Amino acid sequence: MNTDVAHRIAQLGSRLGLGVVAVVGAGLFLSARYPTSAGLAALLWDAVDADPAARADLAAELGKADMPTKLLDVALCSDLLT
């Protein structure tokens, strides 16, 4: 990561004080002028899996055992369909 990006992320963290970074989009579909969601789920799974403590908290909030985020997502979707 270049130092300018690292510096901007540090500034954002100190201004917001939330201690989190949100992944908002996975790219831009220029001809339609809106963000595409292709690949967004995988980016979110990777982001949550990068912090095992946060993932465990998320699993507990969902009433599930701690597991990789992709499996939490599948389990939650399965629960919604039944």
PDB file of N, CA and C in Angstrom:
ATOM      1  N   MET A   1       0.857  -1.168   0.000  1.00  0.00           N
ATOM      2  CA  MET A   1       0.000   0.000   0.000  1.00  0.00           C
ATOM      3  C   MET A   1       0.902   1.229   0.000  1.00  0.00           C
ATOM      4  N   ASN A   2       0.592   2.195  -0.878  1.00  0.00           N
ATOM      5  CA  ASN A   2       1.468   3.360  -0.878  1.00  0.00           C
ATOM      6  C   ASN A   2       1.182   4.222   0.347  1.00  0.00           C
ATOM      7  N   THR A   3       2.133   5.069   0.684  1.00  0.00           N
ATOM      8  CA  THR A   3       2.031   5.818   1.939  1.00  0.00           C
ATOM      9  C   THR A   3       0.891   6.820   1.923  1.00  0.00           C
ATOM     10  N   ASP A   4       0.547   7.362   0.754  1.00  0.00           N
ATOM     11  CA  ASP A   4      -0.565   8.301   0.686  1.00  0.00           C
ATOM     12  C   ASP A   4      -1.883   7.616   1.057  1.00  0.00           C
ATOM     13  N   VAL A   5      -2.105   6.413   0.537  1.00  0.00           N
ATOM     14  CA  VAL A   5      -3.327   5.670   0.860  1.00  0.00           C
ATOM     15  C   VAL A   5      -3.345   5.326   2.345  1.00  0.00           C
ATOM     16  N   ALA A   6      -2.227   4.855   2.875  1.00  0.00           N
ATOM     17  CA  ALA A   6      -2.155   4.522   4.296  1.00  0.00           C
ATOM     18  C   ALA A   6      -2.444   5.754   5.154  1.00  0.00           C
ATOM     19  N   HIS A   7      -1.902   6.903   4.742  1.00  0.00           N
ATOM     20  CA  HIS A   7      -2.129   8.145   5.487  1.00  0.00           C
ATOM     21  C   HIS A   7      -3.600   8.538   5.454  1.00  0.00           C
ATOM     22  N   ARG A   8      -4.232   8.420   4.298  1.00  0.00           N
ATOM     23  CA  ARG A   8      -5.652   8.776   4.177  1.00  0.00           C
ATOM     24  C   ARG A   8      -6.532   7.849   5.016  1.00  0.00           C
ATOM     25  N   ILE A   9      -6.202   6.557   5.029  1.00  0.00           N
ATOM     26  CA  ILE A   9      -6.968   5.613   5.850  1.00  0.00           C
ATOM     27  C   ILE A   9      -6.813   5.963   7.326  1.00  0.00           C
ATOM     28  N   ALA A  10      -5.605   6.307   7.745  1.00  0.00           N
ATOM     29  CA  ALA A  10      -5.369   6.687   9.140  1.00  0.00           C
ATOM     30  C   ALA A  10      -6.166   7.939   9.491  1.00  0.00           C
ATOM     31  N   GLN A  11      -6.201   8.917   8.596  1.00  0.00           N
ATOM     32  CA  GLN A  11      -6.971  10.133   8.843  1.00  0.00           C
ATOM     33  C   GLN A  11      -8.459   9.826   8.959  1.00  0.00           C
ATOM     34  N   LEU A  12      -8.947   8.990   8.080  1.00  0.00           N
ATOM     35  CA  LEU A  12     -10.359   8.624   8.108  1.00  0.00           C
ATOM     36  C   LEU A  12     -10.706   7.941   9.430  1.00  0.00           C
ATOM     37  N   GLY A  13      -9.847   7.014   9.858  1.00  0.00           N
ATOM     38  CA  GLY A  13     -10.081   6.314  11.118  1.00  0.00           C
ATOM     39  C   GLY A  13     -10.130   7.251  12.301  1.00  0.00           C
ATOM     40  N   SER A  14      -9.252   8.249  12.322  1.00  0.00           N
ATOM     41  CA  SER A  14      -9.243   9.181  13.451  1.00  0.00           C
ATOM     42  C   SER A  14     -10.431  10.125  13.419  1.00  0.00           C
ATOM     43  N   ARG A  15     -10.931  10.439  12.239  1.00  0.00           N
ATOM     44  CA  ARG A  15     -12.090  11.333  12.137  1.00  0.00           C
ATOM     45  C   ARG A  15     -13.388  10.631  12.505  1.00  0.00           C
ATOM     46  N   LEU A  16     -13.519   9.399  12.076  1.00  0.00           N
ATOM     47  CA  LEU A  16     -14.755   8.681  12.339  1.00  0.00           C
ATOM     48  C   LEU A  16     -14.782   8.061  13.729  1.00  0.00           C
ATOM     49  N   GLY A  17     -13.633   7.566  14.175  1.00  0.00           N
ATOM     50  CA  GLY A  17     -13.557   6.964  15.491  1.00  0.00           C
ATOM     51  C   GLY A  17     -14.352   5.672  15.633  1.00  0.00           C
ATOM     52  N   LEU A  18     -14.685   5.035  14.526  1.00  0.00           N
ATOM     53  CA  LEU A  18     -15.485   3.816  14.591  1.00  0.00           C
ATOM     54  C   LEU A  18     -14.631   2.558  14.626  1.00  0.00           C
ATOM     55  N   GLY A  19     -13.390   2.645  14.148  1.00  0.00           N
ATOM     56  CA  GLY A  19     -12.520   1.482  14.139  1.00  0.00           C
ATOM     57  C   GLY A  19     -12.853   0.472  13.072  1.00  0.00           C
ATOM     58  N   VAL A  20     -13.559   0.879  12.034  1.00  0.00           N
ATOM     59  CA  VAL A  20     -13.939  -0.045  10.972  1.00  0.00           C
ATOM     60  C   VAL A  20     -13.718   0.588   9.608  1.00  0.00           C
ATOM     61  N   VAL A  21     -13.625  -0.260   8.609  1.00  0.00           N
ATOM     62  CA  VAL A  21     -13.602   0.179   7.221  1.00  0.00           C
ATOM     63  C   VAL A  21     -14.663  -0.625   6.497  1.00  0.00           C
ATOM     64  N   ALA A  22     -15.520   0.026   5.741  1.00  0.00           N
ATOM     65  CA  ALA A  22     -16.580  -0.663   5.007  1.00  0.00           C
ATOM     66  C   ALA A  22     -16.197  -0.794   3.539  1.00  0.00           C
ATOM     67  N   VAL A  23     -16.444  -1.957   2.974  1.00  0.00           N
ATOM     68  CA  VAL A  23     -16.251  -2.171   1.545  1.00  0.00           C
ATOM     69  C   VAL A  23     -17.583  -1.839   0.899  1.00  0.00           C
ATOM     70  N   VAL A  24     -17.627  -0.789   0.079  1.00  0.00           N
ATOM     71  CA  VAL A  24     -18.894  -0.293  -0.433  1.00  0.00           C
ATOM     72  C   VAL A  24     -19.219  -0.826  -1.816  1.00  0.00           C
ATOM     73  N   GLY A  25     -18.250  -1.055  -2.650  1.00  0.00           N
ATOM     74  CA  GLY A  25     -18.527  -1.531  -4.001  1.00  0.00           C
ATOM     75  C   GLY A  25     -17.394  -2.370  -4.525  1.00  0.00           C
ATOM     76  N   ALA A  26     -17.682  -3.143  -5.531  1.00  0.00           N
ATOM     77  CA  ALA A  26     -16.668  -4.035  -6.084  1.00  0.00           C
ATOM     78  C   ALA A  26     -16.164  -3.541  -7.429  1.00  0.00           C
ATOM     79  N   GLY A  27     -16.606  -2.399  -7.871  1.00  0.00           N
ATOM     80  CA  GLY A  27     -16.168  -1.891  -9.157  1.00  0.00           C
ATOM     81  C   GLY A  27     -17.189  -0.921  -9.704  1.00  0.00           C
ATOM     82  N   LEU A  28     -16.990  -0.540 -10.946  1.00  0.00           N
ATOM     83  CA  LEU A  28     -17.893   0.419 -11.560  1.00  0.00           C
ATOM     84  C   LEU A  28     -18.249  -0.060 -12.948  1.00  0.00           C
ATOM     85  N   PHE A  29     -19.512  -0.124 -13.222  1.00  0.00           N
ATOM     86  CA  PHE A  29     -20.007  -0.519 -14.529  1.00  0.00           C
ATOM     87  C   PHE A  29     -20.283   0.788 -15.265  1.00  0.00           C
ATOM     88  N   LEU A  30     -19.298   1.281 -16.011  1.00  0.00           N
ATOM     89  CA  LEU A  30     -19.347   2.630 -16.556  1.00  0.00           C
ATOM     90  C   LEU A  30     -20.510   2.880 -17.505  1.00  0.00           C
ATOM     91  N   SER A  31     -20.819   1.934 -18.365  1.00  0.00           N
ATOM     92  CA  SER A  31     -21.868   2.206 -19.339  1.00  0.00           C
ATOM     93  C   SER A  31     -23.231   2.376 -18.685  1.00  0.00           C
ATOM     94  N   ALA A  32     -23.458   1.728 -17.562  1.00  0.00           N
ATOM     95  CA  ALA A  32     -24.743   1.849 -16.863  1.00  0.00           C
ATOM     96  C   ALA A  32     -24.680   2.885 -15.751  1.00  0.00           C
ATOM     97  N   ARG A  33     -23.486   3.359 -15.409  1.00  0.00           N
ATOM     98  CA  ARG A  33     -23.273   4.384 -14.392  1.00  0.00           C
ATOM     99  C   ARG A  33     -23.708   3.978 -12.980  1.00  0.00           C
ATOM    100  N   TYR A  34     -23.474   2.735 -12.628  1.00  0.00           N
ATOM    101  CA  TYR A  34     -23.744   2.313 -11.255  1.00  0.00           C
ATOM    102  C   TYR A  34     -22.738   1.253 -10.833  1.00  0.00           C
ATOM    103  N   PRO A  35     -22.492   1.133  -9.514  1.00  0.00           N
ATOM    104  CA  PRO A  35     -21.539   0.112  -9.049  1.00  0.00           C
ATOM    105  C   PRO A  35     -22.085  -1.288  -9.302  1.00  0.00           C
ATOM    106  N   THR A  36     -21.221  -2.166  -9.661  1.00  0.00           N
ATOM    107  CA  THR A  36     -21.614  -3.556  -9.849  1.00  0.00           C
ATOM    108  C   THR A  36     -21.453  -4.304  -8.537  1.00  0.00           C
ATOM    109  N   SER A  37     -22.238  -5.316  -8.342  1.00  0.00           N
ATOM    110  CA  SER A  37     -22.110  -6.095  -7.115  1.00  0.00           C
ATOM    111  C   SER A  37     -21.364  -7.398  -7.350  1.00  0.00           C
ATOM    112  N   ALA A  38     -20.943  -7.646  -8.589  1.00  0.00           N
ATOM    113  CA  ALA A  38     -20.189  -8.872  -8.878  1.00  0.00           C
ATOM    114  C   ALA A  38     -18.912  -8.891  -8.044  1.00  0.00           C
ATOM    115  N   GLY A  39     -18.748  -9.922  -7.276  1.00  0.00           N
ATOM    116  CA  GLY A  39     -17.543 -10.046  -6.460  1.00  0.00           C
ATOM    117  C   GLY A  39     -17.636  -9.358  -5.112  1.00  0.00           C
ATOM    118  N   LEU A  40     -18.691  -8.603  -4.854  1.00  0.00           N
ATOM    119  CA  LEU A  40     -18.794  -7.884  -3.587  1.00  0.00           C
ATOM    120  C   LEU A  40     -18.898  -8.843  -2.406  1.00  0.00           C
ATOM    121  N   ALA A  41     -19.680  -9.896  -2.558  1.00  0.00           N
ATOM    122  CA  ALA A  41     -19.824 -10.853  -1.448  1.00  0.00           C
ATOM    123  C   ALA A  41     -18.467 -11.438  -1.057  1.00  0.00           C
ATOM    124  N   ALA A  42     -17.673 -11.828  -2.035  1.00  0.00           N
ATOM    125  CA  ALA A  42     -16.357 -12.405  -1.734  1.00  0.00           C
ATOM    126  C   ALA A  42     -15.454 -11.397  -1.035  1.00  0.00           C
ATOM    127  N   LEU A  43     -15.516 -10.124  -1.439  1.00  0.00           N
ATOM    128  CA  LEU A  43     -14.725  -9.087  -0.767  1.00  0.00           C
ATOM    129  C   LEU A  43     -15.161  -8.929   0.685  1.00  0.00           C
ATOM    130  N   LEU A  44     -16.458  -8.957   0.913  1.00  0.00           N
ATOM    131  CA  LEU A  44     -16.964  -8.832   2.284  1.00  0.00           C
ATOM    132  C   LEU A  44     -16.587 -10.040   3.128  1.00  0.00           C
ATOM    133  N   TRP A  45     -16.699 -11.251   2.544  1.00  0.00           N
ATOM    134  CA  TRP A  45     -16.300 -12.453   3.284  1.00  0.00           C
ATOM    135  C   TRP A  45     -14.839 -12.360   3.697  1.00  0.00           C
ATOM    136  N   ASP A  46     -13.983 -11.958   2.768  1.00  0.00           N
ATOM    137  CA  ASP A  46     -12.547 -11.836   3.069  1.00  0.00           C
ATOM    138  C   ASP A  46     -12.302 -10.790   4.143  1.00  0.00           C
ATOM    139  N   ALA A  47     -13.020  -9.670   4.072  1.00  0.00           N
ATOM    140  CA  ALA A  47     -12.828  -8.602   5.057  1.00  0.00           C
ATOM    141  C   ALA A  47     -13.217  -9.074   6.457  1.00  0.00           C
ATOM    142  N   VAL A  48     -14.333  -9.773   6.577  1.00  0.00           N
ATOM    143  CA  VAL A  48     -14.768 -10.255   7.889  1.00  0.00           C
ATOM    144  C   VAL A  48     -13.854 -11.373   8.376  1.00  0.00           C
ATOM    145  N   ASP A  49     -13.456 -12.277   7.482  1.00  0.00           N
ATOM    146  CA  ASP A  49     -12.564 -13.371   7.873  1.00  0.00           C
ATOM    147  C   ASP A  49     -11.194 -12.873   8.320  1.00  0.00           C
ATOM    148  N   ALA A  50     -10.814 -11.675   7.897  1.00  0.00           N
ATOM    149  CA  ALA A  50      -9.520 -11.121   8.300  1.00  0.00           C
ATOM    150  C   ALA A  50      -9.479 -10.758   9.777  1.00  0.00           C
ATOM    151  N   ASP A  51     -10.639 -10.660  10.421  1.00  0.00           N
ATOM    152  CA  ASP A  51     -10.713 -10.330  11.847  1.00  0.00           C
ATOM    153  C   ASP A  51     -11.535 -11.405  12.565  1.00  0.00           C
ATOM    154  N   PRO A  52     -10.863 -12.470  13.035  1.00  0.00           N
ATOM    155  CA  PRO A  52     -11.583 -13.592  13.658  1.00  0.00           C
ATOM    156  C   PRO A  52     -12.452 -13.193  14.850  1.00  0.00           C
ATOM    157  N   ALA A  53     -12.018 -12.219  15.625  1.00  0.00           N
ATOM    158  CA  ALA A  53     -12.825 -11.796  16.780  1.00  0.00           C
ATOM    159  C   ALA A  53     -14.123 -11.135  16.314  1.00  0.00           C
ATOM    160  N   ALA A  54     -14.027 -10.308  15.292  1.00  0.00           N
ATOM    161  CA  ALA A  54     -15.233  -9.661  14.754  1.00  0.00           C
ATOM    162  C   ALA A  54     -16.160 -10.697  14.130  1.00  0.00           C
ATOM    163  N   ARG A  55     -15.565 -11.685  13.461  1.00  0.00           N
ATOM    164  CA  ARG A  55     -16.379 -12.742  12.861  1.00  0.00           C
ATOM    165  C   ARG A  55     -17.106 -13.536  13.940  1.00  0.00           C
ATOM    166  N   ALA A  56     -16.426 -13.826  15.031  1.00  0.00           N
ATOM    167  CA  ALA A  56     -17.053 -14.558  16.138  1.00  0.00           C
ATOM    168  C   ALA A  56     -18.201 -13.748  16.730  1.00  0.00           C
ATOM    169  N   ASP A  57     -18.011 -12.431  16.851  1.00  0.00           N
ATOM    170  CA  ASP A  57     -19.087 -11.562  17.345  1.00  0.00           C
ATOM    171  C   ASP A  57     -20.273 -11.569  16.387  1.00  0.00           C
ATOM    172  N   LEU A  58     -19.984 -11.507  15.093  1.00  0.00           N
ATOM    173  CA  LEU A  58     -21.044 -11.543  14.091  1.00  0.00           C
ATOM    174  C   LEU A  58     -21.809 -12.858  14.163  1.00  0.00           C
ATOM    175  N   ALA A  59     -21.086 -13.958  14.272  1.00  0.00           N
ATOM    176  CA  ALA A  59     -21.726 -15.277  14.360  1.00  0.00           C
ATOM    177  C   ALA A  59     -22.626 -15.348  15.590  1.00  0.00           C
ATOM    178  N   ALA A  60     -22.135 -14.858  16.709  1.00  0.00           N
ATOM    179  CA  ALA A  60     -22.942 -14.872  17.937  1.00  0.00           C
ATOM    180  C   ALA A  60     -24.197 -14.028  17.769  1.00  0.00           C
ATOM    181  N   GLU A  61     -24.056 -12.864  17.124  1.00  0.00           N
ATOM    182  CA  GLU A  61     -25.209 -11.990  16.886  1.00  0.00           C
ATOM    183  C   GLU A  61     -26.250 -12.672  16.002  1.00  0.00           C
ATOM    184  N   LEU A  62     -25.765 -13.507  15.073  1.00  0.00           N
ATOM    185  CA  LEU A  62     -26.663 -14.244  14.178  1.00  0.00           C
ATOM    186  C   LEU A  62     -27.181 -15.538  14.795  1.00  0.00           C
ATOM    187  N   GLY A  63     -26.687 -15.869  16.000  1.00  0.00           N
ATOM    188  CA  GLY A  63     -27.106 -17.101  16.658  1.00  0.00           C
ATOM    189  C   GLY A  63     -26.483 -18.337  16.036  1.00  0.00           C
ATOM    190  N   LYS A  64     -25.286 -18.176  15.471  1.00  0.00           N
ATOM    191  CA  LYS A  64     -24.588 -19.282  14.809  1.00  0.00           C
ATOM    192  C   LYS A  64     -23.244 -19.521  15.478  1.00  0.00           C
ATOM    193  N   ALA A  65     -22.691 -20.710  15.247  1.00  0.00           N
ATOM    194  CA  ALA A  65     -21.323 -20.998  15.697  1.00  0.00           C
ATOM    195  C   ALA A  65     -20.358 -20.239  14.791  1.00  0.00           C
ATOM    196  N   ASP A  66     -19.186 -19.912  15.332  1.00  0.00           N
ATOM    197  CA  ASP A  66     -18.168 -19.232  14.515  1.00  0.00           C
ATOM    198  C   ASP A  66     -17.708 -20.162  13.408  1.00  0.00           C
ATOM    199  N   MET A  67     -17.690 -19.658  12.203  1.00  0.00           N
ATOM    200  CA  MET A  67     -17.243 -20.406  11.023  1.00  0.00           C
ATOM    201  C   MET A  67     -16.848 -19.394   9.973  1.00  0.00           C
ATOM    202  N   PRO A  68     -16.187 -19.824   8.888  1.00  0.00           N
ATOM    203  CA  PRO A  68     -15.847 -18.871   7.836  1.00  0.00           C
ATOM    204  C   PRO A  68     -17.093 -18.095   7.384  1.00  0.00           C
ATOM    205  N   THR A  69     -16.905 -16.835   7.058  1.00  0.00           N
ATOM    206  CA  THR A  69     -18.013 -15.948   6.749  1.00  0.00           C
ATOM    207  C   THR A  69     -18.873 -16.454   5.598  1.00  0.00           C
ATOM    208  N   LYS A  70     -18.267 -17.067   4.604  1.00  0.00           N
ATOM    209  CA  LYS A  70     -19.056 -17.598   3.490  1.00  0.00           C
ATOM    210  C   LYS A  70     -20.054 -18.631   4.005  1.00  0.00           C
ATOM    211  N   LEU A  71     -19.633 -19.455   4.940  1.00  0.00           N
ATOM    212  CA  LEU A  71     -20.538 -20.459   5.502  1.00  0.00           C
ATOM    213  C   LEU A  71     -21.607 -19.818   6.379  1.00  0.00           C
ATOM    214  N   LEU A  72     -21.246 -18.746   7.096  1.00  0.00           N
ATOM    215  CA  LEU A  72     -22.260 -18.006   7.857  1.00  0.00           C
ATOM    216  C   LEU A  72     -23.321 -17.444   6.918  1.00  0.00           C
ATOM    217  N   ASP A  73     -22.878 -16.913   5.789  1.00  0.00           N
ATOM    218  CA  ASP A  73     -23.787 -16.354   4.799  1.00  0.00           C
ATOM    219  C   ASP A  73     -24.721 -17.431   4.257  1.00  0.00           C
ATOM    220  N   VAL A  74     -24.160 -18.587   3.922  1.00  0.00           N
ATOM    221  CA  VAL A  74     -24.963 -19.701   3.402  1.00  0.00           C
ATOM    222  C   VAL A  74     -25.958 -20.171   4.464  1.00  0.00           C
ATOM    223  N   ALA A  75     -25.509 -20.282   5.721  1.00  0.00           N
ATOM    224  CA  ALA A  75     -26.389 -20.738   6.798  1.00  0.00           C
ATOM    225  C   ALA A  75     -27.527 -19.741   7.014  1.00  0.00           C
ATOM    226  N   LEU A  76     -27.214 -18.453   6.971  1.00  0.00           N
ATOM    227  CA  LEU A  76     -28.241 -17.430   7.163  1.00  0.00           C
ATOM    228  C   LEU A  76     -29.249 -17.469   6.030  1.00  0.00           C
ATOM    229  N   CYS A  77     -28.780 -17.598   4.799  1.00  0.00           N
ATOM    230  CA  CYS A  77     -29.689 -17.680   3.650  1.00  0.00           C
ATOM    231  C   CYS A  77     -30.561 -18.935   3.735  1.00  0.00           C
ATOM    232  N   SER A  78     -29.973 -20.030   4.174  1.00  0.00           N
ATOM    233  CA  SER A  78     -30.715 -21.272   4.324  1.00  0.00           C
ATOM    234  C   SER A  78     -31.818 -21.103   5.358  1.00  0.00           C
ATOM    235  N   ASP A  79     -31.508 -20.437   6.468  1.00  0.00           N
ATOM    236  CA  ASP A  79     -32.515 -20.189   7.505  1.00  0.00           C
ATOM    237  C   ASP A  79     -33.654 -19.327   6.970  1.00  0.00           C
ATOM    238  N   LEU A  80     -33.330 -18.364   6.119  1.00  0.00           N
ATOM    239  CA  LEU A  80     -34.354 -17.480   5.580  1.00  0.00           C
ATOM    240  C   LEU A  80     -35.296 -18.206   4.621  1.00  0.00           C
ATOM    241  N   LEU A  81     -34.776 -19.251   3.971  1.00  0.00           N
ATOM    242  CA  LEU A  81     -35.580 -19.993   3.005  1.00  0.00           C
ATOM    243  C   LEU A  81     -36.463 -21.060   3.635  1.00  0.00           C
ATOM    244  N   THR A  82     -36.199 -21.383   4.908  1.00  0.00           N
ATOM    245  CA  THR A  82     -36.994 -22.439   5.561  1.00  0.00           C
ATOM    246  C   THR A  82     -38.066 -21.866   6.445  1.00  0.00           C
TER     247      THR A  82
END
